[in-house]
Amino acid sequence: ALHHPLLFLVLLAAFIVLMIWLLPKIWRGIKALVARIRALFTGRNPGPKGHPQDPA
């Protein structure tokens, strides 16, 4: 970073933009995974968006 500060700043900005784009997708995937694991232990089927359905 000390030898090429402009390259470092460009790559840092690209990394920040990539994280802003990817973090909602990663978070949604983690929530869906937790819902599926919870459904596995409770015996419920997960809904279409990863939310457990009511056994009515």
PDB file of N, CA and C in Angstrom:
ATOM      1  N   ALA A   1       0.824  -1.189   0.000  1.00  0.00           N
ATOM      2  CA  ALA A   1       0.000   0.000   0.000  1.00  0.00           C
ATOM      3  C   ALA A   1       0.869   1.254   0.000  1.00  0.00           C
ATOM      4  N   LEU A   2       2.063   1.155   0.543  1.00  0.00           N
ATOM      5  CA  LEU A   2       2.912   2.342   0.604  1.00  0.00           C
ATOM      6  C   LEU A   2       3.587   2.644  -0.733  1.00  0.00           C
ATOM      7  N   HIS A   3       3.819   1.616  -1.542  1.00  0.00           N
ATOM      8  CA  HIS A   3       4.502   1.835  -2.812  1.00  0.00           C
ATOM      9  C   HIS A   3       3.547   2.296  -3.909  1.00  0.00           C
ATOM     10  N   HIS A   4       2.287   1.858  -3.850  1.00  0.00           N
ATOM     11  CA  HIS A   4       1.300   2.210  -4.872  1.00  0.00           C
ATOM     12  C   HIS A   4      -0.005   2.643  -4.193  1.00  0.00           C
ATOM     13  N   PRO A   5      -0.042   3.837  -3.635  1.00  0.00           N
ATOM     14  CA  PRO A   5      -1.228   4.248  -2.871  1.00  0.00           C
ATOM     15  C   PRO A   5      -2.480   4.413  -3.740  1.00  0.00           C
ATOM     16  N   LEU A   6      -2.330   4.847  -4.987  1.00  0.00           N
ATOM     17  CA  LEU A   6      -3.501   5.025  -5.842  1.00  0.00           C
ATOM     18  C   LEU A   6      -4.144   3.674  -6.163  1.00  0.00           C
ATOM     19  N   LEU A   7      -3.317   2.674  -6.476  1.00  0.00           N
ATOM     20  CA  LEU A   7      -3.837   1.333  -6.736  1.00  0.00           C
ATOM     21  C   LEU A   7      -4.541   0.785  -5.494  1.00  0.00           C
ATOM     22  N   PHE A   8      -3.955   1.017  -4.334  1.00  0.00           N
ATOM     23  CA  PHE A   8      -4.571   0.564  -3.088  1.00  0.00           C
ATOM     24  C   PHE A   8      -5.938   1.205  -2.890  1.00  0.00           C
ATOM     25  N   LEU A   9      -6.054   2.501  -3.124  1.00  0.00           N
ATOM     26  CA  LEU A   9      -7.330   3.189  -2.934  1.00  0.00           C
ATOM     27  C   LEU A   9      -8.382   2.706  -3.927  1.00  0.00           C
ATOM     28  N   VAL A  10      -7.973   2.451  -5.166  1.00  0.00           N
ATOM     29  CA  VAL A  10      -8.913   1.949  -6.175  1.00  0.00           C
ATOM     30  C   VAL A  10      -9.410   0.560  -5.780  1.00  0.00           C
ATOM     31  N   LEU A  11      -8.491  -0.314  -5.370  1.00  0.00           N
ATOM     32  CA  LEU A  11      -8.894  -1.658  -4.967  1.00  0.00           C
ATOM     33  C   LEU A  11      -9.737  -1.636  -3.693  1.00  0.00           C
ATOM     34  N   LEU A  12      -9.435  -0.744  -2.776  1.00  0.00           N
ATOM     35  CA  LEU A  12     -10.236  -0.610  -1.565  1.00  0.00           C
ATOM     36  C   LEU A  12     -11.656  -0.162  -1.903  1.00  0.00           C
ATOM     37  N   ALA A  13     -11.781   0.808  -2.793  1.00  0.00           N
ATOM     38  CA  ALA A  13     -13.109   1.272  -3.206  1.00  0.00           C
ATOM     39  C   ALA A  13     -13.880   0.152  -3.902  1.00  0.00           C
ATOM     40  N   ALA A  14     -13.202  -0.624  -4.757  1.00  0.00           N
ATOM     41  CA  ALA A  14     -13.859  -1.745  -5.434  1.00  0.00           C
ATOM     42  C   ALA A  14     -14.318  -2.788  -4.419  1.00  0.00           C
ATOM     43  N   PHE A  15     -13.505  -3.053  -3.412  1.00  0.00           N
ATOM     44  CA  PHE A  15     -13.868  -4.014  -2.370  1.00  0.00           C
ATOM     45  C   PHE A  15     -15.089  -3.536  -1.591  1.00  0.00           C
ATOM     46  N   ILE A  16     -15.132  -2.265  -1.256  1.00  0.00           N
ATOM     47  CA  ILE A  16     -16.262  -1.720  -0.500  1.00  0.00           C
ATOM     48  C   ILE A  16     -17.546  -1.803  -1.320  1.00  0.00           C
ATOM     49  N   VAL A  17     -17.470  -1.465  -2.605  1.00  0.00           N
ATOM     50  CA  VAL A  17     -18.645  -1.559  -3.476  1.00  0.00           C
ATOM     51  C   VAL A  17     -19.106  -3.009  -3.595  1.00  0.00           C
ATOM     52  N   LEU A  18     -18.169  -3.934  -3.730  1.00  0.00           N
ATOM     53  CA  LEU A  18     -18.508  -5.352  -3.826  1.00  0.00           C
ATOM     54  C   LEU A  18     -19.188  -5.840  -2.549  1.00  0.00           C
ATOM     55  N   MET A  19     -18.715  -5.409  -1.400  1.00  0.00           N
ATOM     56  CA  MET A  19     -19.327  -5.819  -0.142  1.00  0.00           C
ATOM     57  C   MET A  19     -20.726  -5.224   0.017  1.00  0.00           C
ATOM     58  N   ILE A  20     -20.913  -3.982  -0.407  1.00  0.00           N
ATOM     59  CA  ILE A  20     -22.244  -3.372  -0.341  1.00  0.00           C
ATOM     60  C   ILE A  20     -23.222  -4.157  -1.205  1.00  0.00           C
ATOM     61  N   TRP A  21     -22.746  -4.673  -2.338  1.00  0.00           N
ATOM     62  CA  TRP A  21     -23.600  -5.437  -3.240  1.00  0.00           C
ATOM     63  C   TRP A  21     -23.849  -6.855  -2.718  1.00  0.00           C
ATOM     64  N   LEU A  22     -22.837  -7.475  -2.114  1.00  0.00           N
ATOM     65  CA  LEU A  22     -22.950  -8.877  -1.724  1.00  0.00           C
ATOM     66  C   LEU A  22     -23.547  -9.110  -0.334  1.00  0.00           C
ATOM     67  N   LEU A  23     -23.356  -8.202   0.598  1.00  0.00           N
ATOM     68  CA  LEU A  23     -23.801  -8.452   1.969  1.00  0.00           C
ATOM     69  C   LEU A  23     -25.297  -8.740   2.103  1.00  0.00           C
ATOM     70  N   PRO A  24     -26.194  -8.038   1.409  1.00  0.00           N
ATOM     71  CA  PRO A  24     -27.613  -8.412   1.517  1.00  0.00           C
ATOM     72  C   PRO A  24     -27.893  -9.827   1.014  1.00  0.00           C
ATOM     73  N   LYS A  25     -27.209 -10.252  -0.036  1.00  0.00           N
ATOM     74  CA  LYS A  25     -27.390 -11.604  -0.566  1.00  0.00           C
ATOM     75  C   LYS A  25     -26.865 -12.642   0.422  1.00  0.00           C
ATOM     76  N   ILE A  26     -25.713 -12.371   1.013  1.00  0.00           N
ATOM     77  CA  ILE A  26     -25.145 -13.295   1.995  1.00  0.00           C
ATOM     78  C   ILE A  26     -26.054 -13.380   3.218  1.00  0.00           C
ATOM     79  N   TRP A  27     -26.548 -12.244   3.685  1.00  0.00           N
ATOM     80  CA  TRP A  27     -27.409 -12.220   4.862  1.00  0.00           C
ATOM     81  C   TRP A  27     -28.709 -12.979   4.602  1.00  0.00           C
ATOM     82  N   ARG A  28     -29.292 -12.803   3.402  1.00  0.00           N
ATOM     83  CA  ARG A  28     -30.509 -13.518   3.038  1.00  0.00           C
ATOM     84  C   ARG A  28     -30.261 -15.025   3.013  1.00  0.00           C
ATOM     85  N   GLY A  29     -29.112 -15.431   2.506  1.00  0.00           N
ATOM     86  CA  GLY A  29     -28.769 -16.849   2.472  1.00  0.00           C
ATOM     87  C   GLY A  29     -28.592 -17.431   3.859  1.00  0.00           C
ATOM     88  N   ILE A  30     -27.966 -16.679   4.758  1.00  0.00           N
ATOM     89  CA  ILE A  30     -27.789 -17.147   6.135  1.00  0.00           C
ATOM     90  C   ILE A  30     -29.146 -17.287   6.821  1.00  0.00           C
ATOM     91  N   LYS A  31     -30.037 -16.317   6.608  1.00  0.00           N
ATOM     92  CA  LYS A  31     -31.361 -16.399   7.215  1.00  0.00           C
ATOM     93  C   LYS A  31     -32.136 -17.599   6.690  1.00  0.00           C
ATOM     94  N   ALA A  32     -32.037 -17.882   5.389  1.00  0.00           N
ATOM     95  CA  ALA A  32     -32.723 -19.042   4.815  1.00  0.00           C
ATOM     96  C   ALA A  32     -32.141 -20.339   5.371  1.00  0.00           C
ATOM     97  N   LEU A  33     -30.825 -20.383   5.535  1.00  0.00           N
ATOM     98  CA  LEU A  33     -30.183 -21.577   6.087  1.00  0.00           C
ATOM     99  C   LEU A  33     -30.623 -21.815   7.530  1.00  0.00           C
ATOM    100  N   VAL A  34     -30.679 -20.763   8.322  1.00  0.00           N
ATOM    101  CA  VAL A  34     -31.127 -20.890   9.711  1.00  0.00           C
ATOM    102  C   VAL A  34     -32.584 -21.348   9.754  1.00  0.00           C
ATOM    103  N   ALA A  35     -33.417 -20.826   8.861  1.00  0.00           N
ATOM    104  CA  ALA A  35     -34.822 -21.240   8.826  1.00  0.00           C
ATOM    105  C   ALA A  35     -34.946 -22.712   8.459  1.00  0.00           C
ATOM    106  N   ARG A  36     -34.122 -23.190   7.526  1.00  0.00           N
ATOM    107  CA  ARG A  36     -34.185 -24.601   7.142  1.00  0.00           C
ATOM    108  C   ARG A  36     -33.698 -25.503   8.277  1.00  0.00           C
ATOM    109  N   ILE A  37     -32.656 -25.083   8.981  1.00  0.00           N
ATOM    110  CA  ILE A  37     -32.166 -25.874  10.113  1.00  0.00           C
ATOM    111  C   ILE A  37     -33.207 -25.893  11.227  1.00  0.00           C
ATOM    112  N   ARG A  38     -33.818 -24.741  11.488  1.00  0.00           N
ATOM    113  CA  ARG A  38     -34.863 -24.681  12.508  1.00  0.00           C
ATOM    114  C   ARG A  38     -36.042 -25.570  12.115  1.00  0.00           C
ATOM    115  N   ALA A  39     -36.413 -25.564  10.844  1.00  0.00           N
ATOM    116  CA  ALA A  39     -37.513 -26.410  10.376  1.00  0.00           C
ATOM    117  C   ALA A  39     -37.151 -27.883  10.505  1.00  0.00           C
ATOM    118  N   LEU A  40     -35.899 -28.210  10.308  1.00  0.00           N
ATOM    119  CA  LEU A  40     -35.455 -29.598  10.437  1.00  0.00           C
ATOM    120  C   LEU A  40     -35.642 -30.094  11.871  1.00  0.00           C
ATOM    121  N   PHE A  41     -35.335 -29.250  12.846  1.00  0.00           N
ATOM    122  CA  PHE A  41     -35.437 -29.659  14.241  1.00  0.00           C
ATOM    123  C   PHE A  41     -36.849 -29.547  14.799  1.00  0.00           C
ATOM    124  N   THR A  42     -37.673 -28.656  14.250  1.00  0.00           N
ATOM    125  CA  THR A  42     -39.037 -28.506  14.761  1.00  0.00           C
ATOM    126  C   THR A  42     -40.029 -29.364  13.997  1.00  0.00           C
ATOM    127  N   GLY A  43     -39.654 -29.890  12.851  1.00  0.00           N
ATOM    128  CA  GLY A  43     -40.535 -30.744  12.075  1.00  0.00           C
ATOM    129  C   GLY A  43     -41.447 -29.992  11.138  1.00  0.00           C
ATOM    130  N   ARG A  44     -41.269 -28.701  11.005  1.00  0.00           N
ATOM    131  CA  ARG A  44     -42.084 -27.905  10.088  1.00  0.00           C
ATOM    132  C   ARG A  44     -41.391 -27.810   8.743  1.00  0.00           C
ATOM    133  N   ASN A  45     -42.194 -27.603   7.707  1.00  0.00           N
ATOM    134  CA  ASN A  45     -41.632 -27.378   6.374  1.00  0.00           C
ATOM    135  C   ASN A  45     -41.407 -25.890   6.184  1.00  0.00           C
ATOM    136  N   PRO A  46     -40.243 -25.479   5.676  1.00  0.00           N
ATOM    137  CA  PRO A  46     -40.025 -24.054   5.440  1.00  0.00           C
ATOM    138  C   PRO A  46     -40.910 -23.566   4.305  1.00  0.00           C
ATOM    139  N   GLY A  47     -41.333 -22.323   4.410  1.00  0.00           N
ATOM    140  CA  GLY A  47     -42.165 -21.727   3.371  1.00  0.00           C
ATOM    141  C   GLY A  47     -41.354 -21.398   2.132  1.00  0.00           C
ATOM    142  N   PRO A  48     -41.997 -20.791   1.136  1.00  0.00           N
ATOM    143  CA  PRO A  48     -41.296 -20.500  -0.117  1.00  0.00           C
ATOM    144  C   PRO A  48     -40.168 -19.490   0.035  1.00  0.00           C
ATOM    145  N   LYS A  49     -40.252 -18.605   1.029  1.00  0.00           N
ATOM    146  CA  LYS A  49     -39.190 -17.619   1.226  1.00  0.00           C
ATOM    147  C   LYS A  49     -38.322 -17.962   2.424  1.00  0.00           C
ATOM    148  N   GLY A  50     -38.367 -19.195   2.873  1.00  0.00           N
ATOM    149  CA  GLY A  50     -37.531 -19.609   3.986  1.00  0.00           C
ATOM    150  C   GLY A  50     -38.188 -19.453   5.341  1.00  0.00           C
ATOM    151  N   HIS A  51     -39.459 -18.980   5.357  1.00  0.00           N
ATOM    152  CA  HIS A  51     -40.164 -18.839   6.615  1.00  0.00           C
ATOM    153  C   HIS A  51     -40.971 -20.102   6.871  1.00  0.00           C
ATOM    154  N   PRO A  52     -40.990 -20.594   8.094  1.00  0.00           N
ATOM    155  CA  PRO A  52     -41.767 -21.803   8.388  1.00  0.00           C
ATOM    156  C   PRO A  52     -43.259 -21.562   8.184  1.00  0.00           C
ATOM    157  N   GLN A  53     -43.939 -22.556   7.694  1.00  0.00           N
ATOM    158  CA  GLN A  53     -45.375 -22.456   7.492  1.00  0.00           C
ATOM    159  C   GLN A  53     -46.090 -22.872   8.764  1.00  0.00           C
ATOM    160  N   ASP A  54     -47.305 -22.357   8.941  1.00  0.00           N
ATOM    161  CA  ASP A  54     -48.117 -22.774  10.079  1.00  0.00           C
ATOM    162  C   ASP A  54     -48.722 -24.136   9.774  1.00  0.00           C
ATOM    163  N   PRO A  55     -48.646 -25.091  10.716  1.00  0.00           N
ATOM    164  CA  PRO A  55     -49.203 -26.425  10.447  1.00  0.00           C
ATOM    165  C   PRO A  55     -50.717 -26.449  10.636  1.00  0.00           C
ATOM    166  N   ALA A  56     -51.456 -25.618   9.896  1.00  0.00           N
ATOM    167  CA  ALA A  56     -52.914 -25.518  10.042  1.00  0.00           C
ATOM    168  C   ALA A  56     -53.630 -26.395   9.049  1.00  0.00           C
TER     169      ALA A  56
END
